[in-house]
Amino acid sequence: MESPVRAPTEPDFRLIETFAFRPGQGFVRLERHLRRMARTADWLGVRFDVRRVGEVVDGVSGANPLRCRLTLDLTGAPEITMGPLADNPPDWTVGLATTRLTSSDIWLRHKTTRRAIYDQARAELPDVVDELLFLNERDELCEGTITNLFVETENGCLLTPPVAAGLLPGILREELLETGRAAEAVLTLHDLAAAHRVWMGNSLRGLIPAQAMLP
């Protein structure tokens, strides 16, 4: 377990989890999302009250798929907002971000409102690109702005960068690793170019096939 750090002082700081609600199915991977939020709360020394969070989540219902955004402030107060969840596109075009991630940045491993590097990259997305991939200081592939990267080999194995590269350990990624469908591997642009298939994925959207636009 990581040692607790000094909690941020900015008043609008929040822990974040984003997940899907589907009629007839309910929340997708909710328990995994709550466990991740609880781990980050513990790391920051923020109270995570399962009962309060459960009361907020239990108020969600709908006749159509929803995108749910659960937040937790520094006092431990949860809040959830919902919006329509659109269908996935058939595929994505993925480019390369000009900014690099720092593999030793511990904040990359926690989903919070400290997302300036991701938000800035998304604000600069070219019209023909759906997602951007980050490299770290060692020229290793890390992640997208809102997704994890999965490179499929000819034998069907999905390879995804290790947390040590500098990335958020996503919930879909966690599930794929635990079930043996994916494995961690250090990946470079060469691996991306040689991939049998490329996927970008998160818990909200699942796996989306991607075409990489390499420099």
C-alpha atoms as a PDB file:
ATOM      1  CA  MET A   1       0.000   0.000   0.000  1.00  0.00           C
ATOM      2  CA  GLU A   2       1.313   3.431  -0.912  1.00  0.00           C
ATOM      3  CA  SER A   3       1.876   5.860   1.932  1.00  0.00           C
ATOM      4  CA  PRO A   4      -0.756   8.589   2.302  1.00  0.00           C
ATOM      5  CA  VAL A   5       0.263  11.899   0.768  1.00  0.00           C
ATOM      6  CA  ARG A   6      -0.666  15.430   1.620  1.00  0.00           C
ATOM      7  CA  ALA A   7      -4.164  15.995   0.241  1.00  0.00           C
ATOM      8  CA  PRO A   8      -4.531  18.743  -2.367  1.00  0.00           C
ATOM      9  CA  THR A   9      -5.775  22.100  -1.143  1.00  0.00           C
ATOM     10  CA  GLU A  10      -7.639  23.247  -4.253  1.00  0.00           C
ATOM     11  CA  PRO A  11     -11.360  23.472  -3.323  1.00  0.00           C
ATOM     12  CA  ASP A  12     -12.588  21.911  -6.564  1.00  0.00           C
ATOM     13  CA  PHE A  13     -10.378  18.807  -6.294  1.00  0.00           C
ATOM     14  CA  ARG A  14     -12.294  15.544  -6.673  1.00  0.00           C
ATOM     15  CA  LEU A  15     -11.720  11.820  -6.985  1.00  0.00           C
ATOM     16  CA  ILE A  16     -13.491  10.529 -10.094  1.00  0.00           C
ATOM     17  CA  GLU A  17     -14.991   7.288 -11.360  1.00  0.00           C
ATOM     18  CA  THR A  18     -16.861   7.082 -14.668  1.00  0.00           C
ATOM     19  CA  PHE A  19     -18.948   4.030 -15.493  1.00  0.00           C
ATOM     20  CA  ALA A  20     -21.954   2.875 -17.475  1.00  0.00           C
ATOM     21  CA  PHE A  21     -25.501   2.110 -16.410  1.00  0.00           C
ATOM     22  CA  ARG A  22     -27.443  -0.130 -18.788  1.00  0.00           C
ATOM     23  CA  PRO A  23     -31.154  -0.968 -18.393  1.00  0.00           C
ATOM     24  CA  GLY A  24     -31.629  -4.619 -17.544  1.00  0.00           C
ATOM     25  CA  GLN A  25     -27.959  -4.952 -16.593  1.00  0.00           C
ATOM     26  CA  GLY A  26     -27.406  -2.171 -14.093  1.00  0.00           C
ATOM     27  CA  PHE A  27     -23.996  -0.669 -13.434  1.00  0.00           C
ATOM     28  CA  VAL A  28     -21.041  -2.066 -15.340  1.00  0.00           C
ATOM     29  CA  ARG A  29     -18.056  -3.050 -13.155  1.00  0.00           C
ATOM     30  CA  LEU A  30     -19.315  -0.863 -10.305  1.00  0.00           C
ATOM     31  CA  GLU A  31     -17.565  -2.819  -7.542  1.00  0.00           C
ATOM     32  CA  ARG A  32     -14.215  -2.455  -9.268  1.00  0.00           C
ATOM     33  CA  HIS A  33     -14.763   1.284  -9.675  1.00  0.00           C
ATOM     34  CA  LEU A  34     -15.647   1.719  -6.013  1.00  0.00           C
ATOM     35  CA  ARG A  35     -12.605  -0.270  -4.910  1.00  0.00           C
ATOM     36  CA  ARG A  36     -10.348   1.959  -6.982  1.00  0.00           C
ATOM     37  CA  MET A  37     -11.926   5.109  -5.563  1.00  0.00           C
ATOM     38  CA  ALA A  38     -11.523   3.715  -2.050  1.00  0.00           C
ATOM     39  CA  ARG A  39      -7.822   3.011  -2.683  1.00  0.00           C
ATOM     40  CA  THR A  40      -7.216   6.566  -3.853  1.00  0.00           C
ATOM     41  CA  ALA A  41      -9.192   7.952  -0.912  1.00  0.00           C
ATOM     42  CA  ASP A  42      -7.037   5.906   1.453  1.00  0.00           C
ATOM     43  CA  TRP A  43      -3.871   7.129  -0.288  1.00  0.00           C
ATOM     44  CA  LEU A  44      -4.993  10.731   0.182  1.00  0.00           C
ATOM     45  CA  GLY A  45      -6.299  10.249   3.695  1.00  0.00           C
ATOM     46  CA  VAL A  46      -9.857  11.055   2.579  1.00  0.00           C
ATOM     47  CA  ARG A  47     -12.777   9.257   4.191  1.00  0.00           C
ATOM     48  CA  PHE A  48     -14.602   6.820   1.906  1.00  0.00           C
ATOM     49  CA  ASP A  49     -17.990   6.016   3.431  1.00  0.00           C
ATOM     50  CA  VAL A  50     -19.416   3.014   1.604  1.00  0.00           C
ATOM     51  CA  ARG A  51     -22.912   3.717   2.915  1.00  0.00           C
ATOM     52  CA  ARG A  52     -22.977   7.338   1.711  1.00  0.00           C
ATOM     53  CA  VAL A  53     -21.588   6.384  -1.672  1.00  0.00           C
ATOM     54  CA  GLY A  54     -24.111   3.556  -1.964  1.00  0.00           C
ATOM     55  CA  GLU A  55     -27.013   5.892  -1.234  1.00  0.00           C
ATOM     56  CA  VAL A  56     -25.911   8.212  -4.028  1.00  0.00           C
ATOM     57  CA  VAL A  57     -25.420   5.391  -6.518  1.00  0.00           C
ATOM     58  CA  ASP A  58     -28.721   3.719  -5.634  1.00  0.00           C
ATOM     59  CA  GLY A  59     -30.582   6.786  -6.879  1.00  0.00           C
ATOM     60  CA  VAL A  60     -29.597   6.123 -10.491  1.00  0.00           C
ATOM     61  CA  SER A  61     -32.142   4.630 -12.887  1.00  0.00           C
ATOM     62  CA  GLY A  62     -33.137   5.075 -16.488  1.00  0.00           C
ATOM     63  CA  ALA A  63     -34.732   3.530 -19.538  1.00  0.00           C
ATOM     64  CA  ASN A  64     -31.649   4.219 -21.693  1.00  0.00           C
ATOM     65  CA  PRO A  65     -27.901   3.691 -21.255  1.00  0.00           C
ATOM     66  CA  LEU A  66     -26.288   6.320 -19.036  1.00  0.00           C
ATOM     67  CA  ARG A  67     -22.802   7.687 -18.519  1.00  0.00           C
ATOM     68  CA  CYS A  68     -22.367   8.062 -14.754  1.00  0.00           C
ATOM     69  CA  ARG A  69     -19.695  10.243 -13.156  1.00  0.00           C
ATOM     70  CA  LEU A  70     -19.176   9.644  -9.453  1.00  0.00           C
ATOM     71  CA  THR A  71     -17.027  12.146  -7.555  1.00  0.00           C
ATOM     72  CA  LEU A  72     -15.734  12.388  -4.008  1.00  0.00           C
ATOM     73  CA  ASP A  73     -14.507  15.658  -2.514  1.00  0.00           C
ATOM     74  CA  LEU A  74     -11.881  16.103   0.172  1.00  0.00           C
ATOM     75  CA  THR A  75     -14.502  15.983   2.927  1.00  0.00           C
ATOM     76  CA  GLY A  76     -15.640  12.568   1.706  1.00  0.00           C
ATOM     77  CA  ALA A  77     -18.904  13.847   0.213  1.00  0.00           C
ATOM     78  CA  PRO A  78     -19.979  11.851  -2.869  1.00  0.00           C
ATOM     79  CA  GLU A  79     -21.911  13.192  -5.848  1.00  0.00           C
ATOM     80  CA  ILE A  80     -23.095  11.541  -9.033  1.00  0.00           C
ATOM     81  CA  THR A  81     -24.130  13.056 -12.349  1.00  0.00           C
ATOM     82  CA  MET A  82     -25.594  11.252 -15.337  1.00  0.00           C
ATOM     83  CA  GLY A  83     -25.921  11.834 -19.048  1.00  0.00           C
ATOM     84  CA  PRO A  84     -26.807   9.851 -22.166  1.00  0.00           C
ATOM     85  CA  LEU A  85     -24.317   7.189 -23.213  1.00  0.00           C
ATOM     86  CA  ALA A  86     -23.952   7.272 -26.982  1.00  0.00           C
ATOM     87  CA  ASP A  87     -23.156   4.187 -29.039  1.00  0.00           C
ATOM     88  CA  ASN A  88     -19.507   3.446 -29.725  1.00  0.00           C
ATOM     89  CA  PRO A  89     -18.086   4.449 -33.109  1.00  0.00           C
ATOM     90  CA  PRO A  90     -17.056   1.509 -35.337  1.00  0.00           C
ATOM     91  CA  ASP A  91     -13.396   2.433 -34.862  1.00  0.00           C
ATOM     92  CA  TRP A  92     -11.057   5.217 -33.801  1.00  0.00           C
ATOM     93  CA  THR A  93      -8.152   6.981 -35.429  1.00  0.00           C
ATOM     94  CA  VAL A  94      -5.350   7.408 -32.902  1.00  0.00           C
ATOM     95  CA  GLY A  95      -2.518   9.918 -33.098  1.00  0.00           C
ATOM     96  CA  LEU A  96       0.502  10.690 -30.957  1.00  0.00           C
ATOM     97  CA  ALA A  97       0.439  13.370 -28.262  1.00  0.00           C
ATOM     98  CA  THR A  98       3.196  15.983 -28.401  1.00  0.00           C
ATOM     99  CA  THR A  99       3.423  16.091 -24.598  1.00  0.00           C
ATOM    100  CA  ARG A 100       5.141  13.267 -22.733  1.00  0.00           C
ATOM    101  CA  LEU A 101       4.170  11.638 -19.466  1.00  0.00           C
ATOM    102  CA  THR A 102       6.668  11.189 -16.649  1.00  0.00           C
ATOM    103  CA  SER A 103       6.722   7.560 -15.562  1.00  0.00           C
ATOM    104  CA  SER A 104       7.526   8.449 -11.943  1.00  0.00           C
ATOM    105  CA  ASP A 105       4.498  10.759 -11.571  1.00  0.00           C
ATOM    106  CA  ILE A 106       2.455   8.917  -8.940  1.00  0.00           C
ATOM    107  CA  TRP A 107      -0.625  11.024  -9.701  1.00  0.00           C
ATOM    108  CA  LEU A 108      -0.991   9.280 -13.062  1.00  0.00           C
ATOM    109  CA  ARG A 109      -2.040   6.145 -11.164  1.00  0.00           C
ATOM    110  CA  HIS A 110      -5.053   7.826  -9.550  1.00  0.00           C
ATOM    111  CA  LYS A 111      -8.182   9.118 -11.266  1.00  0.00           C
ATOM    112  CA  THR A 112      -8.784  12.643 -10.011  1.00  0.00           C
ATOM    113  CA  THR A 113      -9.499  16.113 -11.325  1.00  0.00           C
ATOM    114  CA  ARG A 114      -5.747  16.630 -11.718  1.00  0.00           C
ATOM    115  CA  ARG A 115      -6.049  15.942 -15.443  1.00  0.00           C
ATOM    116  CA  ALA A 116      -4.552  19.067 -17.020  1.00  0.00           C
ATOM    117  CA  ILE A 117      -2.171  17.170 -19.301  1.00  0.00           C
ATOM    118  CA  TYR A 118      -4.991  14.982 -20.624  1.00  0.00           C
ATOM    119  CA  ASP A 119      -7.495  17.817 -20.978  1.00  0.00           C
ATOM    120  CA  GLN A 120      -4.981  19.961 -22.853  1.00  0.00           C
ATOM    121  CA  ALA A 121      -4.218  17.126 -25.263  1.00  0.00           C
ATOM    122  CA  ARG A 122      -7.922  16.540 -25.924  1.00  0.00           C
ATOM    123  CA  ALA A 123      -8.441  20.248 -26.522  1.00  0.00           C
ATOM    124  CA  GLU A 124      -5.836  20.045 -29.294  1.00  0.00           C
ATOM    125  CA  LEU A 125      -7.224  16.911 -30.984  1.00  0.00           C
ATOM    126  CA  PRO A 126      -7.086  17.279 -34.782  1.00  0.00           C
ATOM    127  CA  ASP A 127     -10.444  16.838 -36.505  1.00  0.00           C
ATOM    128  CA  VAL A 128      -9.353  13.531 -38.053  1.00  0.00           C
ATOM    129  CA  VAL A 129      -8.163  12.025 -34.751  1.00  0.00           C
ATOM    130  CA  ASP A 130     -10.354  10.481 -32.020  1.00  0.00           C
ATOM    131  CA  GLU A 131      -7.713   9.798 -29.366  1.00  0.00           C
ATOM    132  CA  LEU A 132      -4.060  10.565 -28.628  1.00  0.00           C
ATOM    133  CA  LEU A 133      -1.421   8.215 -27.242  1.00  0.00           C
ATOM    134  CA  PHE A 134       1.239   9.388 -24.814  1.00  0.00           C
ATOM    135  CA  LEU A 135       4.879   8.341 -24.705  1.00  0.00           C
ATOM    136  CA  ASN A 136       7.031   8.628 -21.588  1.00  0.00           C
ATOM    137  CA  GLU A 137      10.597   9.877 -21.190  1.00  0.00           C
ATOM    138  CA  ARG A 138      11.925   6.457 -22.296  1.00  0.00           C
ATOM    139  CA  ASP A 139       9.947   6.420 -25.575  1.00  0.00           C
ATOM    140  CA  GLU A 140       7.614   3.792 -24.117  1.00  0.00           C
ATOM    141  CA  LEU A 141       3.911   3.888 -24.920  1.00  0.00           C
ATOM    142  CA  CYS A 142       1.737   4.731 -21.921  1.00  0.00           C
ATOM    143  CA  GLU A 143      -1.978   5.380 -22.478  1.00  0.00           C
ATOM    144  CA  GLY A 144      -4.521   7.569 -24.214  1.00  0.00           C
ATOM    145  CA  THR A 145      -6.214  10.645 -22.801  1.00  0.00           C
ATOM    146  CA  ILE A 146      -9.266   8.644 -21.683  1.00  0.00           C
ATOM    147  CA  THR A 147      -8.339   5.063 -22.539  1.00  0.00           C
ATOM    148  CA  ASN A 148      -5.764   2.335 -22.059  1.00  0.00           C
ATOM    149  CA  LEU A 149      -3.858   0.881 -24.995  1.00  0.00           C
ATOM    150  CA  PHE A 150      -4.045  -2.773 -26.039  1.00  0.00           C
ATOM    151  CA  VAL A 151      -1.884  -4.221 -28.815  1.00  0.00           C
ATOM    152  CA  GLU A 152      -3.127  -7.551 -30.155  1.00  0.00           C
ATOM    153  CA  THR A 153      -0.579 -10.116 -31.280  1.00  0.00           C
ATOM    154  CA  GLU A 154      -1.133 -12.738 -33.968  1.00  0.00           C
ATOM    155  CA  ASN A 155      -2.035 -15.334 -31.328  1.00  0.00           C
ATOM    156  CA  GLY A 156      -4.813 -13.099 -29.973  1.00  0.00           C
ATOM    157  CA  CYS A 157      -3.070 -11.950 -26.805  1.00  0.00           C
ATOM    158  CA  LEU A 158      -3.670  -8.338 -25.793  1.00  0.00           C
ATOM    159  CA  LEU A 159      -0.536  -6.561 -24.592  1.00  0.00           C
ATOM    160  CA  THR A 160      -0.896  -3.421 -22.499  1.00  0.00           C
ATOM    161  CA  PRO A 161       1.788  -1.147 -21.007  1.00  0.00           C
ATOM    162  CA  PRO A 162       2.707  -1.720 -17.348  1.00  0.00           C
ATOM    163  CA  VAL A 163       1.795   0.827 -14.685  1.00  0.00           C
ATOM    164  CA  ALA A 164       5.520   1.564 -14.332  1.00  0.00           C
ATOM    165  CA  ALA A 165       5.427   3.197 -17.775  1.00  0.00           C
ATOM    166  CA  GLY A 166       3.235   5.950 -16.320  1.00  0.00           C
ATOM    167  CA  LEU A 167      -0.504   5.498 -16.675  1.00  0.00           C
ATOM    168  CA  LEU A 168      -3.855   5.087 -14.966  1.00  0.00           C
ATOM    169  CA  PRO A 169      -4.579   1.410 -14.273  1.00  0.00           C
ATOM    170  CA  GLY A 170      -8.009   1.362 -15.882  1.00  0.00           C
ATOM    171  CA  ILE A 171     -10.873  -0.801 -14.704  1.00  0.00           C
ATOM    172  CA  LEU A 172     -11.345  -2.616 -18.020  1.00  0.00           C
ATOM    173  CA  ARG A 173      -7.575  -3.137 -18.131  1.00  0.00           C
ATOM    174  CA  GLU A 174      -7.692  -4.579 -14.604  1.00  0.00           C
ATOM    175  CA  GLU A 175     -10.434  -7.017 -15.594  1.00  0.00           C
ATOM    176  CA  LEU A 176      -8.659  -8.153 -18.768  1.00  0.00           C
ATOM    177  CA  LEU A 177      -5.423  -8.729 -16.859  1.00  0.00           C
ATOM    178  CA  GLU A 178      -7.135 -10.686 -14.080  1.00  0.00           C
ATOM    179  CA  THR A 179      -8.997 -12.925 -16.533  1.00  0.00           C
ATOM    180  CA  GLY A 180      -5.848 -13.640 -18.529  1.00  0.00           C
ATOM    181  CA  ARG A 181      -7.083 -12.034 -21.712  1.00  0.00           C
ATOM    182  CA  ALA A 182      -4.370  -9.363 -21.486  1.00  0.00           C
ATOM    183  CA  ALA A 183      -0.777  -9.230 -20.273  1.00  0.00           C
ATOM    184  CA  GLU A 184       1.575  -6.383 -19.410  1.00  0.00           C
ATOM    185  CA  ALA A 185       4.485  -5.594 -21.719  1.00  0.00           C
ATOM    186  CA  VAL A 186       6.704  -2.606 -22.410  1.00  0.00           C
ATOM    187  CA  LEU A 187       5.530  -1.302 -25.788  1.00  0.00           C
ATOM    188  CA  THR A 188       7.106   1.099 -28.272  1.00  0.00           C
ATOM    189  CA  LEU A 189       6.044   2.726 -31.526  1.00  0.00           C
ATOM    190  CA  HIS A 190       7.656  -0.221 -33.315  1.00  0.00           C
ATOM    191  CA  ASP A 191       5.301  -2.609 -31.504  1.00  0.00           C
ATOM    192  CA  LEU A 192       2.364  -0.406 -32.429  1.00  0.00           C
ATOM    193  CA  ALA A 193       3.325  -0.436 -36.116  1.00  0.00           C
ATOM    194  CA  ALA A 194       3.816  -4.213 -36.074  1.00  0.00           C
ATOM    195  CA  ALA A 195       0.599  -4.998 -34.187  1.00  0.00           C
ATOM    196  CA  HIS A 196      -1.900  -7.457 -35.601  1.00  0.00           C
ATOM    197  CA  ARG A 197      -4.643  -5.165 -34.286  1.00  0.00           C
ATOM    198  CA  VAL A 198      -4.789  -2.132 -32.005  1.00  0.00           C
ATOM    199  CA  TRP A 199      -7.491  -1.450 -29.441  1.00  0.00           C
ATOM    200  CA  MET A 200      -8.220   1.449 -27.115  1.00  0.00           C
ATOM    201  CA  GLY A 201     -10.456   0.760 -24.154  1.00  0.00           C
ATOM    202  CA  ASN A 202     -11.990   1.858 -20.901  1.00  0.00           C
ATOM    203  CA  SER A 203     -14.730   0.581 -18.632  1.00  0.00           C
ATOM    204  CA  LEU A 204     -17.310   2.974 -20.025  1.00  0.00           C
ATOM    205  CA  ARG A 205     -16.801   2.091 -23.688  1.00  0.00           C
ATOM    206  CA  GLY A 206     -15.214  -1.336 -23.687  1.00  0.00           C
ATOM    207  CA  LEU A 207     -12.675  -2.126 -26.405  1.00  0.00           C
ATOM    208  CA  ILE A 208     -12.710   0.059 -29.516  1.00  0.00           C
ATOM    209  CA  PRO A 209     -10.708  -0.992 -32.601  1.00  0.00           C
ATOM    210  CA  ALA A 210      -8.194   1.671 -33.561  1.00  0.00           C
ATOM    211  CA  GLN A 211      -6.040   2.702 -36.490  1.00  0.00           C
ATOM    212  CA  ALA A 212      -2.790   4.386 -35.486  1.00  0.00           C
ATOM    213  CA  MET A 213      -1.533   7.426 -37.389  1.00  0.00           C
ATOM    214  CA  LEU A 214       2.197   7.242 -36.746  1.00  0.00           C
ATOM    215  CA  PRO A 215       4.698  10.030 -37.461  1.00  0.00           C
END
